[in-house]
Amino acid sequence: MTIDRLLRMTAGAFVLISLGLGYWVNPNWFYFTAFVGLNLFQSAFTNWCPLMTILKKAGVASCQHEVKAKA
């Protein structure tokens, strides 16, 4: 799995989980949903996301060619 796909999957999971927590546990969890959304919005303009930096340091492949080379 590449960084881009893992990033989208993680962001989607965070949004869905925080929406559920905000609805069933405490409405303050909606702030986390807003944080994820704002982070995705700013990354569209700056091409930088904190999670991408973490995933790169963890050794996640940047493109599909790297995934095939590791296999």
N, C-alpha and C. Protein backbone atom coordinates (compact mmCIF):
# COMPACT_ATOMS: atom_id res chain seq x y z
N MET A 1 0.85 -1.18 0.00
CA MET A 1 0.00 0.00 0.00
C MET A 1 0.90 1.24 0.00
N THR A 2 0.51 2.24 -0.78
CA THR A 2 1.31 3.44 -0.89
C THR A 2 0.89 4.48 0.15
N ILE A 3 1.72 5.50 0.29
CA ILE A 3 1.46 6.57 1.27
C ILE A 3 0.12 7.25 0.99
N ASP A 4 -0.15 7.56 -0.28
CA ASP A 4 -1.39 8.27 -0.61
C ASP A 4 -2.63 7.47 -0.22
N ARG A 5 -2.63 6.19 -0.53
CA ARG A 5 -3.79 5.37 -0.19
C ARG A 5 -3.93 5.20 1.32
N LEU A 6 -2.81 5.01 2.00
CA LEU A 6 -2.85 4.85 3.45
C LEU A 6 -3.28 6.15 4.13
N LEU A 7 -2.86 7.28 3.60
CA LEU A 7 -3.25 8.58 4.13
C LEU A 7 -4.76 8.78 4.01
N ARG A 8 -5.32 8.51 2.82
CA ARG A 8 -6.76 8.68 2.63
C ARG A 8 -7.55 7.73 3.51
N MET A 9 -7.07 6.49 3.64
CA MET A 9 -7.76 5.51 4.48
C MET A 9 -7.75 5.95 5.95
N THR A 10 -6.61 6.41 6.43
CA THR A 10 -6.49 6.84 7.82
C THR A 10 -7.35 8.08 8.09
N ALA A 11 -7.31 9.06 7.19
CA ALA A 11 -8.12 10.27 7.37
C ALA A 11 -9.60 9.93 7.38
N GLY A 12 -10.03 9.07 6.47
CA GLY A 12 -11.43 8.66 6.45
C GLY A 12 -11.84 7.95 7.72
N ALA A 13 -10.97 7.07 8.21
CA ALA A 13 -11.27 6.36 9.45
C ALA A 13 -11.35 7.33 10.63
N PHE A 14 -10.42 8.28 10.71
CA PHE A 14 -10.45 9.27 11.78
C PHE A 14 -11.75 10.08 11.76
N VAL A 15 -12.17 10.48 10.58
CA VAL A 15 -13.40 11.27 10.46
C VAL A 15 -14.60 10.44 10.92
N LEU A 16 -14.71 9.21 10.43
CA LEU A 16 -15.85 8.38 10.81
C LEU A 16 -15.86 8.05 12.30
N ILE A 17 -14.69 7.72 12.84
CA ILE A 17 -14.61 7.41 14.28
C ILE A 17 -14.96 8.63 15.13
N SER A 18 -14.41 9.79 14.76
CA SER A 18 -14.68 10.98 15.56
C SER A 18 -16.13 11.44 15.42
N LEU A 19 -16.75 11.21 14.27
CA LEU A 19 -18.17 11.52 14.14
C LEU A 19 -19.00 10.63 15.06
N GLY A 20 -18.66 9.36 15.09
CA GLY A 20 -19.36 8.45 16.00
C GLY A 20 -19.16 8.83 17.45
N LEU A 21 -17.94 9.14 17.82
CA LEU A 21 -17.65 9.55 19.19
C LEU A 21 -18.38 10.85 19.54
N GLY A 22 -18.43 11.77 18.58
CA GLY A 22 -19.13 13.03 18.82
C GLY A 22 -20.62 12.85 18.99
N TYR A 23 -21.18 11.92 18.29
CA TYR A 23 -22.62 11.68 18.38
C TYR A 23 -22.98 10.90 19.63
N TRP A 24 -22.23 9.82 19.93
CA TRP A 24 -22.62 8.93 21.01
C TRP A 24 -21.91 9.20 22.34
N VAL A 25 -20.74 9.85 22.33
CA VAL A 25 -19.98 10.01 23.58
C VAL A 25 -20.00 11.45 24.05
N ASN A 26 -19.41 12.35 23.26
CA ASN A 26 -19.29 13.74 23.68
C ASN A 26 -19.15 14.61 22.44
N PRO A 27 -19.93 15.67 22.31
CA PRO A 27 -19.86 16.52 21.12
C PRO A 27 -18.50 17.20 20.90
N ASN A 28 -17.67 17.25 21.91
CA ASN A 28 -16.34 17.85 21.73
C ASN A 28 -15.48 17.07 20.74
N TRP A 29 -15.82 15.82 20.47
CA TRP A 29 -15.08 15.04 19.47
C TRP A 29 -15.21 15.63 18.08
N PHE A 30 -16.23 16.44 17.84
CA PHE A 30 -16.39 17.08 16.53
C PHE A 30 -15.24 18.04 16.23
N TYR A 31 -14.58 18.53 17.26
CA TYR A 31 -13.39 19.36 17.03
C TYR A 31 -12.28 18.56 16.35
N PHE A 32 -12.15 17.30 16.70
CA PHE A 32 -11.16 16.45 16.06
C PHE A 32 -11.53 16.23 14.59
N THR A 33 -12.82 16.06 14.32
CA THR A 33 -13.27 15.94 12.93
C THR A 33 -12.89 17.19 12.14
N ALA A 34 -13.11 18.35 12.74
CA ALA A 34 -12.76 19.61 12.08
C ALA A 34 -11.26 19.72 11.87
N PHE A 35 -10.47 19.27 12.83
CA PHE A 35 -9.01 19.30 12.69
C PHE A 35 -8.56 18.46 11.51
N VAL A 36 -9.10 17.26 11.38
CA VAL A 36 -8.73 16.39 10.26
C VAL A 36 -9.13 17.04 8.93
N GLY A 37 -10.33 17.60 8.88
CA GLY A 37 -10.78 18.26 7.66
C GLY A 37 -9.92 19.46 7.29
N LEU A 38 -9.58 20.28 8.26
CA LEU A 38 -8.72 21.44 7.99
C LEU A 38 -7.33 21.00 7.54
N ASN A 39 -6.83 19.93 8.14
CA ASN A 39 -5.53 19.42 7.76
C ASN A 39 -5.54 18.93 6.31
N LEU A 40 -6.59 18.22 5.92
CA LEU A 40 -6.71 17.77 4.53
C LEU A 40 -6.83 18.97 3.58
N PHE A 41 -7.58 19.98 4.00
CA PHE A 41 -7.75 21.18 3.17
C PHE A 41 -6.42 21.90 2.94
N GLN A 42 -5.66 22.11 4.02
CA GLN A 42 -4.39 22.81 3.86
C GLN A 42 -3.39 21.99 3.06
N SER A 43 -3.46 20.66 3.17
CA SER A 43 -2.52 19.82 2.44
C SER A 43 -2.77 19.87 0.93
N ALA A 44 -4.00 20.22 0.53
CA ALA A 44 -4.28 20.36 -0.89
C ALA A 44 -3.51 21.54 -1.49
N PHE A 45 -3.23 22.55 -0.68
CA PHE A 45 -2.52 23.73 -1.17
C PHE A 45 -1.02 23.65 -0.93
N THR A 46 -0.61 23.03 0.17
CA THR A 46 0.80 23.02 0.53
C THR A 46 1.51 21.72 0.16
N ASN A 47 0.73 20.68 -0.15
CA ASN A 47 1.28 19.36 -0.45
C ASN A 47 2.09 18.80 0.72
N TRP A 48 1.71 19.17 1.94
CA TRP A 48 2.37 18.66 3.15
C TRP A 48 1.30 18.28 4.16
N CYS A 49 1.47 17.11 4.75
CA CYS A 49 0.57 16.62 5.77
C CYS A 49 1.43 15.94 6.84
N PRO A 50 1.18 16.20 8.12
CA PRO A 50 1.99 15.59 9.17
C PRO A 50 2.01 14.06 9.10
N LEU A 51 0.88 13.45 8.75
CA LEU A 51 0.84 12.00 8.67
C LEU A 51 1.74 11.47 7.56
N MET A 52 1.87 12.20 6.46
CA MET A 52 2.76 11.77 5.38
C MET A 52 4.21 11.73 5.87
N THR A 53 4.60 12.71 6.65
CA THR A 53 5.95 12.74 7.20
C THR A 53 6.17 11.52 8.09
N ILE A 54 5.19 11.19 8.92
CA ILE A 54 5.29 10.04 9.82
C ILE A 54 5.38 8.74 9.01
N LEU A 55 4.53 8.62 7.97
CA LEU A 55 4.53 7.40 7.17
C LEU A 55 5.84 7.23 6.39
N LYS A 56 6.41 8.33 5.91
CA LYS A 56 7.69 8.25 5.20
C LYS A 56 8.79 7.76 6.14
N LYS A 57 8.80 8.29 7.36
CA LYS A 57 9.81 7.86 8.34
C LYS A 57 9.61 6.42 8.75
N ALA A 58 8.36 5.94 8.66
CA ALA A 58 8.06 4.54 9.00
C ALA A 58 8.42 3.59 7.86
N GLY A 59 8.79 4.15 6.70
CA GLY A 59 9.22 3.32 5.58
C GLY A 59 8.13 2.88 4.64
N VAL A 60 6.98 3.54 4.65
CA VAL A 60 5.90 3.20 3.74
C VAL A 60 6.28 3.66 2.34
N ALA A 61 5.99 2.83 1.34
CA ALA A 61 6.37 3.13 -0.05
C ALA A 61 5.64 4.37 -0.56
N SER A 62 6.36 5.17 -1.35
CA SER A 62 5.79 6.40 -1.90
C SER A 62 4.96 6.13 -3.15
N CYS A 63 5.32 5.11 -3.92
CA CYS A 63 4.60 4.83 -5.15
C CYS A 63 4.49 3.32 -5.36
N GLN A 64 3.67 2.94 -6.31
CA GLN A 64 3.42 1.53 -6.57
C GLN A 64 4.68 0.80 -7.02
N HIS A 65 5.59 1.49 -7.70
CA HIS A 65 6.83 0.86 -8.14
C HIS A 65 7.67 0.38 -6.95
N GLU A 66 7.68 1.18 -5.89
CA GLU A 66 8.43 0.78 -4.68
C GLU A 66 7.78 -0.41 -4.01
N VAL A 67 6.46 -0.50 -4.06
CA VAL A 67 5.76 -1.63 -3.46
C VAL A 67 6.13 -2.91 -4.19
N LYS A 68 6.16 -2.88 -5.52
CA LYS A 68 6.51 -4.05 -6.32
C LYS A 68 7.98 -4.45 -6.13
N ALA A 69 8.85 -3.45 -5.93
CA ALA A 69 10.28 -3.73 -5.75
C ALA A 69 10.54 -4.43 -4.43
N LYS A 70 9.74 -4.12 -3.40
CA LYS A 70 9.94 -4.73 -2.09
C LYS A 70 9.43 -6.17 -2.06
N ALA A 71 8.49 -6.50 -2.94
CA ALA A 71 7.89 -7.84 -2.93
C ALA A 71 8.78 -8.89 -3.54
